[in-house]
Protein backbone atom coordinates (compact mmCIF):
# COMPACT_ATOMS: atom_id res chain seq x y z
CA UNK A 1 -111.34 40.86 107.42
CA UNK A 2 -114.18 40.10 105.02
CA UNK A 3 -111.85 39.09 102.18
CA UNK A 4 -109.73 36.94 104.49
CA UNK A 5 -112.84 35.15 105.76
CA UNK A 6 -114.16 34.57 102.24
CA UNK A 7 -110.72 33.39 101.10
CA UNK A 8 -110.37 30.85 103.89
CA UNK A 9 -113.83 29.39 103.38
CA UNK A 10 -113.56 29.25 99.58
CA UNK A 11 -110.13 27.63 99.78
CA UNK A 12 -111.76 24.89 101.82
CA UNK A 13 -114.72 24.63 99.42
CA UNK A 14 -112.57 24.58 96.27
CA UNK A 15 -112.19 20.77 96.13
CA UNK A 16 -115.97 20.51 95.75
CA UNK A 17 -115.80 22.65 92.59
CA UNK A 18 -114.43 20.53 89.70
CA UNK A 19 -111.16 21.93 88.41
CA UNK A 20 -110.85 24.64 91.09
CA UNK A 21 -107.39 25.02 92.56
CA UNK A 22 -107.64 25.80 96.31
CA UNK A 23 -104.77 28.31 96.19
CA UNK A 24 -106.25 30.09 93.18
CA UNK A 25 -109.65 30.17 94.91
CA UNK A 26 -108.04 31.73 97.97
CA UNK A 27 -106.25 34.38 95.90
CA UNK A 28 -109.42 35.15 93.94
CA UNK A 29 -111.28 35.76 97.19
CA UNK A 30 -108.54 37.92 98.65
CA UNK A 31 -108.82 40.09 95.54
CA UNK A 32 -112.58 40.02 94.93
CA UNK A 33 -113.28 43.46 96.46
CA UNK A 34 -109.97 45.10 95.56
CA UNK A 35 -111.67 47.77 93.46
CA UNK A 36 -112.96 49.28 96.69
CA UNK A 37 -109.53 50.65 97.56
CA UNK A 38 -109.17 53.06 94.62
CA UNK A 39 -112.71 54.35 95.22
CA UNK A 40 -111.92 55.00 98.89
CA UNK A 41 -108.61 56.63 97.97
CA UNK A 42 -110.40 58.93 95.52
CA UNK A 43 -113.04 59.79 98.12
CA UNK A 44 -110.32 60.66 100.61
CA UNK A 45 -109.01 63.24 98.13
CA UNK A 46 -112.53 64.62 97.45
CA UNK A 47 -114.17 65.37 100.79
CA UNK A 48 -117.39 66.53 99.10
CA UNK A 49 -118.22 62.87 98.44
CA UNK A 50 -118.45 62.32 102.18
CA UNK A 51 -121.00 65.12 102.58
CA UNK A 52 -123.78 63.37 100.66
CA UNK A 53 -125.39 60.71 102.83
CA UNK A 54 -124.81 57.23 101.37
CA UNK A 55 -123.00 58.45 98.25
CA UNK A 56 -119.69 56.76 99.04
CA UNK A 57 -121.42 53.44 99.73
CA UNK A 58 -123.26 53.66 96.41
CA UNK A 59 -120.07 54.53 94.53
CA UNK A 60 -118.24 51.57 96.05
CA UNK A 61 -121.13 49.25 95.29
CA UNK A 62 -121.44 50.40 91.68
CA UNK A 63 -117.77 50.79 90.76
CA UNK A 64 -115.61 48.37 92.74
CA UNK A 65 -116.08 45.33 90.49
CA UNK A 66 -115.31 47.20 87.27
CA UNK A 67 -112.34 49.09 88.71
CA UNK A 68 -110.91 45.95 90.32
CA UNK A 69 -111.25 43.92 87.12
CA UNK A 70 -109.64 46.72 85.09
CA UNK A 71 -106.67 46.79 87.48
CA UNK A 72 -106.18 43.04 87.31
CA UNK A 73 -106.36 43.21 83.51
CA UNK A 74 -103.70 45.94 83.45
CA UNK A 75 -101.51 43.78 85.67
CA UNK A 76 -101.99 40.75 83.37
CA UNK A 77 -103.69 38.53 85.95
CA UNK A 78 -105.27 35.29 84.71
CA UNK A 79 -108.76 35.67 83.28
CA UNK A 80 -110.27 33.39 85.94
CA UNK A 81 -109.22 35.86 88.67
CA UNK A 82 -110.38 38.86 86.65
CA UNK A 83 -113.75 37.16 86.21
CA UNK A 84 -114.15 36.72 89.98
CA UNK A 85 -113.46 40.40 90.62
CA UNK A 86 -115.70 41.52 87.74
CA UNK A 87 -118.61 39.15 88.28
CA UNK A 88 -118.81 38.16 91.97
CA UNK A 89 -121.85 40.38 92.54
CA UNK A 90 -123.57 39.65 89.23
CA UNK A 91 -126.17 37.17 90.43
CA UNK A 92 -127.77 36.98 86.97
CA UNK A 93 -124.48 35.78 85.46
CA UNK A 94 -124.88 32.93 83.02
CA UNK A 95 -121.96 31.00 81.58
CA UNK A 96 -121.30 27.79 79.71
CA UNK A 97 -119.55 24.86 81.29
CA UNK A 98 -119.15 23.62 84.83
CA UNK A 99 -119.03 25.72 87.99
CA UNK A 100 -116.04 28.03 88.17
CA UNK A 101 -114.37 30.32 90.71
CA UNK A 102 -117.04 32.99 90.29
CA UNK A 103 -119.71 30.43 91.15
CA UNK A 104 -117.73 29.35 94.20
CA UNK A 105 -117.39 32.90 95.53
CA UNK A 106 -121.02 33.73 94.77
CA UNK A 107 -122.23 30.60 96.53
CA UNK A 108 -120.38 31.52 99.70
CA UNK A 109 -121.46 35.15 99.59
CA UNK A 110 -125.10 34.12 99.09
CA UNK A 111 -124.99 31.62 101.94
CA UNK A 112 -123.45 34.22 104.22
CA UNK A 113 -126.36 36.62 103.65
CA UNK A 114 -128.98 34.03 104.60
């Protein structure tokens, strides 16, 4: 539900981000947390991870962006989508040029937490 919500909002916000394609923004948001699924699948196979309080949450938080970006790279997704998955939680990210899809997703995620 989270990814669908983010995707819908960012698709609507995309026209305010120069050069952002609304459909690409929506897809990027649908995929932004995709690295969570392999972590959860692994945890399901290793019950001991569930026995340490908060461990699974920490593993998801620390690994989902890297794992998701690696998967998209293996599947030859466009770099702009890989960047969203890899960098959406990197609030110290600095890049050259105008706002991009990562900025769009980060802006929404930041506003949602306020």
